[in-house]
Amino acid sequence: MASVARLTDEMLERAVIVGFLGTWLCDRSVEAGADFEDVQEPAKLAAIALCYLYLEVRLRRTSRQR
């Protein structure tokens, strides 16, 4: 039960972070003068890459502490 709870927490965290970060990056790009349709997909991909990088750093930090 604990592993399922942790898995759902991780999935929710990733979905919220990727969704928020992708929208934020897209909004900043549009404010800078880019076309919404041109930056929507790259913003999502950048958000996924940044989320993966953050989680990888956090995982390595945790393993180093142990």
PDB file of N, CA and C in Angstrom:
ATOM      1  N   MET A   1       0.820  -1.181   0.000  1.00  0.00           N
ATOM      2  CA  MET A   1       0.000   0.000   0.000  1.00  0.00           C
ATOM      3  C   MET A   1       0.880   1.266   0.000  1.00  0.00           C
ATOM      4  N   ALA A   2       1.959   1.220   0.729  1.00  0.00           N
ATOM      5  CA  ALA A   2       2.841   2.388   0.795  1.00  0.00           C
ATOM      6  C   ALA A   2       3.489   2.676  -0.548  1.00  0.00           C
ATOM      7  N   SER A   3       3.869   1.623  -1.270  1.00  0.00           N
ATOM      8  CA  SER A   3       4.505   1.845  -2.569  1.00  0.00           C
ATOM      9  C   SER A   3       3.511   2.419  -3.579  1.00  0.00           C
ATOM     10  N   VAL A   4       2.257   2.004  -3.519  1.00  0.00           N
ATOM     11  CA  VAL A   4       1.230   2.548  -4.412  1.00  0.00           C
ATOM     12  C   VAL A   4       0.979   4.014  -4.075  1.00  0.00           C
ATOM     13  N   ALA A   5       0.951   4.327  -2.797  1.00  0.00           N
ATOM     14  CA  ALA A   5       0.749   5.725  -2.377  1.00  0.00           C
ATOM     15  C   ALA A   5       1.907   6.598  -2.850  1.00  0.00           C
ATOM     16  N   ARG A   6       3.112   6.095  -2.733  1.00  0.00           N
ATOM     17  CA  ARG A   6       4.276   6.868  -3.179  1.00  0.00           C
ATOM     18  C   ARG A   6       4.267   7.050  -4.693  1.00  0.00           C
ATOM     19  N   LEU A   7       3.902   5.986  -5.417  1.00  0.00           N
ATOM     20  CA  LEU A   7       3.831   6.058  -6.876  1.00  0.00           C
ATOM     21  C   LEU A   7       2.803   7.087  -7.323  1.00  0.00           C
ATOM     22  N   THR A   8       1.637   7.096  -6.709  1.00  0.00           N
ATOM     23  CA  THR A   8       0.615   8.072  -7.092  1.00  0.00           C
ATOM     24  C   THR A   8       1.051   9.488  -6.747  1.00  0.00           C
ATOM     25  N   ASP A   9       1.733   9.661  -5.632  1.00  0.00           N
ATOM     26  CA  ASP A   9       2.263  10.985  -5.290  1.00  0.00           C
ATOM     27  C   ASP A   9       3.272  11.459  -6.318  1.00  0.00           C
ATOM     28  N   GLU A  10       4.167  10.565  -6.742  1.00  0.00           N
ATOM     29  CA  GLU A  10       5.171  10.919  -7.747  1.00  0.00           C
ATOM     30  C   GLU A  10       4.505  11.277  -9.079  1.00  0.00           C
ATOM     31  N   MET A  11       3.512  10.507  -9.481  1.00  0.00           N
ATOM     32  CA  MET A  11       2.835  10.768 -10.745  1.00  0.00           C
ATOM     33  C   MET A  11       2.091  12.099 -10.702  1.00  0.00           C
ATOM     34  N   LEU A  12       1.432  12.387  -9.595  1.00  0.00           N
ATOM     35  CA  LEU A  12       0.730  13.649  -9.449  1.00  0.00           C
ATOM     36  C   LEU A  12       1.707  14.811  -9.459  1.00  0.00           C
ATOM     37  N   GLU A  13       2.805  14.654  -8.743  1.00  0.00           N
ATOM     38  CA  GLU A  13       3.819  15.707  -8.699  1.00  0.00           C
ATOM     39  C   GLU A  13       4.377  15.993 -10.087  1.00  0.00           C
ATOM     40  N   ARG A  14       4.680  14.957 -10.830  1.00  0.00           N
ATOM     41  CA  ARG A  14       5.214  15.141 -12.181  1.00  0.00           C
ATOM     42  C   ARG A  14       4.191  15.792 -13.099  1.00  0.00           C
ATOM     43  N   ALA A  15       2.948  15.372 -13.005  1.00  0.00           N
ATOM     44  CA  ALA A  15       1.908  15.944 -13.861  1.00  0.00           C
ATOM     45  C   ALA A  15       1.700  17.422 -13.555  1.00  0.00           C
ATOM     46  N   VAL A  16       1.686  17.767 -12.293  1.00  0.00           N
ATOM     47  CA  VAL A  16       1.483  19.165 -11.903  1.00  0.00           C
ATOM     48  C   VAL A  16       2.681  20.004 -12.318  1.00  0.00           C
ATOM     49  N   ILE A  17       3.872  19.503 -12.060  1.00  0.00           N
ATOM     50  CA  ILE A  17       5.087  20.261 -12.397  1.00  0.00           C
ATOM     51  C   ILE A  17       5.204  20.445 -13.904  1.00  0.00           C
ATOM     52  N   VAL A  18       5.027  19.381 -14.671  1.00  0.00           N
ATOM     53  CA  VAL A  18       5.157  19.477 -16.125  1.00  0.00           C
ATOM     54  C   VAL A  18       4.071  20.377 -16.699  1.00  0.00           C
ATOM     55  N   GLY A  19       2.837  20.225 -16.228  1.00  0.00           N
ATOM     56  CA  GLY A  19       1.749  21.055 -16.716  1.00  0.00           C
ATOM     57  C   GLY A  19       1.952  22.526 -16.416  1.00  0.00           C
ATOM     58  N   PHE A  20       2.294  22.823 -15.177  1.00  0.00           N
ATOM     59  CA  PHE A  20       2.507  24.216 -14.783  1.00  0.00           C
ATOM     60  C   PHE A  20       3.710  24.818 -15.504  1.00  0.00           C
ATOM     61  N   LEU A  21       4.808  24.089 -15.526  1.00  0.00           N
ATOM     62  CA  LEU A  21       6.026  24.614 -16.139  1.00  0.00           C
ATOM     63  C   LEU A  21       5.866  24.799 -17.641  1.00  0.00           C
ATOM     64  N   GLY A  22       5.192  23.872 -18.303  1.00  0.00           N
ATOM     65  CA  GLY A  22       4.946  24.009 -19.735  1.00  0.00           C
ATOM     66  C   GLY A  22       4.086  25.222 -20.052  1.00  0.00           C
ATOM     67  N   THR A  23       3.042  25.424 -19.267  1.00  0.00           N
ATOM     68  CA  THR A  23       2.178  26.589 -19.460  1.00  0.00           C
ATOM     69  C   THR A  23       2.932  27.873 -19.166  1.00  0.00           C
ATOM     70  N   TRP A  24       3.737  27.864 -18.130  1.00  0.00           N
ATOM     71  CA  TRP A  24       4.487  29.062 -17.758  1.00  0.00           C
ATOM     72  C   TRP A  24       5.493  29.428 -18.846  1.00  0.00           C
ATOM     73  N   LEU A  25       6.226  28.432 -19.346  1.00  0.00           N
ATOM     74  CA  LEU A  25       7.194  28.692 -20.415  1.00  0.00           C
ATOM     75  C   LEU A  25       6.505  29.193 -21.680  1.00  0.00           C
ATOM     76  N   CYS A  26       5.376  28.625 -22.006  1.00  0.00           N
ATOM     77  CA  CYS A  26       4.623  29.048 -23.187  1.00  0.00           C
ATOM     78  C   CYS A  26       4.147  30.489 -23.021  1.00  0.00           C
ATOM     79  N   ASP A  27       3.620  30.831 -21.847  1.00  0.00           N
ATOM     80  CA  ASP A  27       3.156  32.196 -21.583  1.00  0.00           C
ATOM     81  C   ASP A  27       4.294  33.202 -21.673  1.00  0.00           C
ATOM     82  N   ARG A  28       5.451  32.866 -21.104  1.00  0.00           N
ATOM     83  CA  ARG A  28       6.580  33.784 -21.175  1.00  0.00           C
ATOM     84  C   ARG A  28       7.042  33.985 -22.610  1.00  0.00           C
ATOM     85  N   SER A  29       7.009  32.930 -23.406  1.00  0.00           N
ATOM     86  CA  SER A  29       7.413  33.045 -24.808  1.00  0.00           C
ATOM     87  C   SER A  29       6.443  33.911 -25.604  1.00  0.00           C
ATOM     88  N   VAL A  30       5.153  33.763 -25.328  1.00  0.00           N
ATOM     89  CA  VAL A  30       4.150  34.579 -26.008  1.00  0.00           C
ATOM     90  C   VAL A  30       4.300  36.040 -25.596  1.00  0.00           C
ATOM     91  N   GLU A  31       4.573  36.272 -24.325  1.00  0.00           N
ATOM     92  CA  GLU A  31       4.797  37.644 -23.863  1.00  0.00           C
ATOM     93  C   GLU A  31       6.029  38.253 -24.519  1.00  0.00           C
ATOM     94  N   ALA A  32       6.995  37.429 -24.863  1.00  0.00           N
ATOM     95  CA  ALA A  32       8.209  37.920 -25.513  1.00  0.00           C
ATOM     96  C   ALA A  32       8.002  38.164 -27.005  1.00  0.00           C
ATOM     97  N   GLY A  33       6.831  37.782 -27.530  1.00  0.00           N
ATOM     98  CA  GLY A  33       6.518  38.083 -28.910  1.00  0.00           C
ATOM     99  C   GLY A  33       6.411  36.886 -29.838  1.00  0.00           C
ATOM    100  N   ALA A  34       6.544  35.692 -29.315  1.00  0.00           N
ATOM    101  CA  ALA A  34       6.444  34.501 -30.163  1.00  0.00           C
ATOM    102  C   ALA A  34       4.973  34.149 -30.405  1.00  0.00           C
ATOM    103  N   ASP A  35       4.718  33.408 -31.455  1.00  0.00           N
ATOM    104  CA  ASP A  35       3.370  32.956 -31.770  1.00  0.00           C
ATOM    105  C   ASP A  35       3.028  31.769 -30.873  1.00  0.00           C
ATOM    106  N   PHE A  36       1.814  31.767 -30.335  1.00  0.00           N
ATOM    107  CA  PHE A  36       1.396  30.731 -29.388  1.00  0.00           C
ATOM    108  C   PHE A  36       1.527  29.333 -29.975  1.00  0.00           C
ATOM    109  N   GLU A  37       1.084  29.146 -31.198  1.00  0.00           N
ATOM    110  CA  GLU A  37       1.099  27.820 -31.809  1.00  0.00           C
ATOM    111  C   GLU A  37       2.518  27.340 -32.108  1.00  0.00           C
ATOM    112  N   ASP A  38       3.439  28.273 -32.286  1.00  0.00           N
ATOM    113  CA  ASP A  38       4.825  27.895 -32.564  1.00  0.00           C
ATOM    114  C   ASP A  38       5.583  27.488 -31.310  1.00  0.00           C
ATOM    115  N   VAL A  39       5.186  27.983 -30.154  1.00  0.00           N
ATOM    116  CA  VAL A  39       5.941  27.708 -28.923  1.00  0.00           C
ATOM    117  C   VAL A  39       5.264  26.717 -27.991  1.00  0.00           C
ATOM    118  N   GLN A  40       4.041  26.340 -28.300  1.00  0.00           N
ATOM    119  CA  GLN A  40       3.311  25.450 -27.395  1.00  0.00           C
ATOM    120  C   GLN A  40       4.001  24.092 -27.251  1.00  0.00           C
ATOM    121  N   GLU A  41       4.334  23.456 -28.350  1.00  0.00           N
ATOM    122  CA  GLU A  41       4.975  22.137 -28.303  1.00  0.00           C
ATOM    123  C   GLU A  41       6.403  22.201 -27.750  1.00  0.00           C
ATOM    124  N   PRO A  42       7.258  23.133 -28.196  1.00  0.00           N
ATOM    125  CA  PRO A  42       8.598  23.214 -27.594  1.00  0.00           C
ATOM    126  C   PRO A  42       8.575  23.526 -26.100  1.00  0.00           C
ATOM    127  N   ALA A  43       7.585  24.295 -25.656  1.00  0.00           N
ATOM    128  CA  ALA A  43       7.486  24.598 -24.224  1.00  0.00           C
ATOM    129  C   ALA A  43       7.172  23.341 -23.427  1.00  0.00           C
ATOM    130  N   LYS A  44       6.315  22.486 -23.957  1.00  0.00           N
ATOM    131  CA  LYS A  44       6.006  21.222 -23.278  1.00  0.00           C
ATOM    132  C   LYS A  44       7.237  20.324 -23.218  1.00  0.00           C
ATOM    133  N   LEU A  45       7.963  20.260 -24.330  1.00  0.00           N
ATOM    134  CA  LEU A  45       9.166  19.427 -24.352  1.00  0.00           C
ATOM    135  C   LEU A  45      10.240  19.957 -23.403  1.00  0.00           C
ATOM    136  N   ALA A  46      10.385  21.265 -23.340  1.00  0.00           N
ATOM    137  CA  ALA A  46      11.346  21.868 -22.413  1.00  0.00           C
ATOM    138  C   ALA A  46      10.933  21.601 -20.969  1.00  0.00           C
ATOM    139  N   ALA A  47       9.639  21.662 -20.692  1.00  0.00           N
ATOM    140  CA  ALA A  47       9.154  21.384 -19.339  1.00  0.00           C
ATOM    141  C   ALA A  47       9.421  19.940 -18.947  1.00  0.00           C
ATOM    142  N   ILE A  48       9.227  19.025 -19.871  1.00  0.00           N
ATOM    143  CA  ILE A  48       9.507  17.615 -19.591  1.00  0.00           C
ATOM    144  C   ILE A  48      10.994  17.414 -19.329  1.00  0.00           C
ATOM    145  N   ALA A  49      11.837  18.044 -20.133  1.00  0.00           N
ATOM    146  CA  ALA A  49      13.282  17.915 -19.945  1.00  0.00           C
ATOM    147  C   ALA A  49      13.721  18.505 -18.607  1.00  0.00           C
ATOM    148  N   LEU A  50      13.185  19.663 -18.246  1.00  0.00           N
ATOM    149  CA  LEU A  50      13.538  20.284 -16.968  1.00  0.00           C
ATOM    150  C   LEU A  50      13.040  19.464 -15.782  1.00  0.00           C
ATOM    151  N   CYS A  51      11.853  18.900 -15.906  1.00  0.00           N
ATOM    152  CA  CYS A  51      11.320  18.051 -14.835  1.00  0.00           C
ATOM    153  C   CYS A  51      12.176  16.804 -14.667  1.00  0.00           C
ATOM    154  N   TYR A  52      12.561  16.192 -15.782  1.00  0.00           N
ATOM    155  CA  TYR A  52      13.420  15.023 -15.717  1.00  0.00           C
ATOM    156  C   TYR A  52      14.761  15.361 -15.076  1.00  0.00           C
ATOM    157  N   LEU A  53      15.336  16.483 -15.452  1.00  0.00           N
ATOM    158  CA  LEU A  53      16.609  16.913 -14.884  1.00  0.00           C
ATOM    159  C   LEU A  53      16.489  17.132 -13.376  1.00  0.00           C
ATOM    160  N   TYR A  54      15.423  17.785 -12.960  1.00  0.00           N
ATOM    161  CA  TYR A  54      15.203  18.027 -11.523  1.00  0.00           C
ATOM    162  C   TYR A  54      15.072  16.709 -10.763  1.00  0.00           C
ATOM    163  N   LEU A  55      14.272  15.791 -11.288  1.00  0.00           N
ATOM    164  CA  LEU A  55      14.076  14.518 -10.599  1.00  0.00           C
ATOM    165  C   LEU A  55      15.350  13.688 -10.576  1.00  0.00           C
ATOM    166  N   GLU A  56      16.144  13.759 -11.627  1.00  0.00           N
ATOM    167  CA  GLU A  56      17.414  13.033 -11.668  1.00  0.00           C
ATOM    168  C   GLU A  56      18.395  13.580 -10.631  1.00  0.00           C
ATOM    169  N   VAL A  57      18.455  14.901 -10.517  1.00  0.00           N
ATOM    170  CA  VAL A  57      19.333  15.521  -9.511  1.00  0.00           C
ATOM    171  C   VAL A  57      18.873  15.143  -8.114  1.00  0.00           C
ATOM    172  N   ARG A  58      17.570  15.171  -7.894  1.00  0.00           N
ATOM    173  CA  ARG A  58      17.036  14.811  -6.576  1.00  0.00           C
ATOM    174  C   ARG A  58      17.314  13.353  -6.246  1.00  0.00           C
ATOM    175  N   LEU A  59      17.194  12.464  -7.233  1.00  0.00           N
ATOM    176  CA  LEU A  59      17.471  11.057  -7.018  1.00  0.00           C
ATOM    177  C   LEU A  59      18.944  10.828  -6.697  1.00  0.00           C
ATOM    178  N   ARG A  60      19.840  11.492  -7.427  1.00  0.00           N
ATOM    179  CA  ARG A  60      21.282  11.331  -7.152  1.00  0.00           C
ATOM    180  C   ARG A  60      21.664  11.890  -5.790  1.00  0.00           C
ATOM    181  N   ARG A  61      21.047  13.001  -5.419  1.00  0.00           N
ATOM    182  CA  ARG A  61      21.331  13.589  -4.116  1.00  0.00           C
ATOM    183  C   ARG A  61      20.891  12.658  -2.995  1.00  0.00           C
ATOM    184  N   THR A  62      19.732  12.047  -3.161  1.00  0.00           N
ATOM    185  CA  THR A  62      19.221  11.109  -2.159  1.00  0.00           C
ATOM    186  C   THR A  62      20.099   9.881  -2.071  1.00  0.00           C
ATOM    187  N   SER A  63      20.533   9.352  -3.204  1.00  0.00           N
ATOM    188  CA  SER A  63      21.394   8.163  -3.174  1.00  0.00           C
ATOM    189  C   SER A  63      22.768   8.489  -2.598  1.00  0.00           C
ATOM    190  N   ARG A  64      23.248   9.694  -2.812  1.00  0.00           N
ATOM    191  CA  ARG A  64      24.544  10.101  -2.260  1.00  0.00           C
ATOM    192  C   ARG A  64      24.466  10.238  -0.730  1.00  0.00           C
ATOM    193  N   GLN A  65      23.337  10.676  -0.228  1.00  0.00           N
ATOM    194  CA  GLN A  65      23.174  10.820   1.211  1.00  0.00           C
ATOM    195  C   GLN A  65      23.104   9.483   1.911  1.00  0.00           C
ATOM    196  N   ARG A  66      22.623   8.478   1.227  1.00  0.00           N
ATOM    197  CA  ARG A  66      22.535   7.137   1.820  1.00  0.00           C
ATOM    198  C   ARG A  66      23.859   6.476   1.696  1.00  0.00           C
TER     199      ARG A  66
END
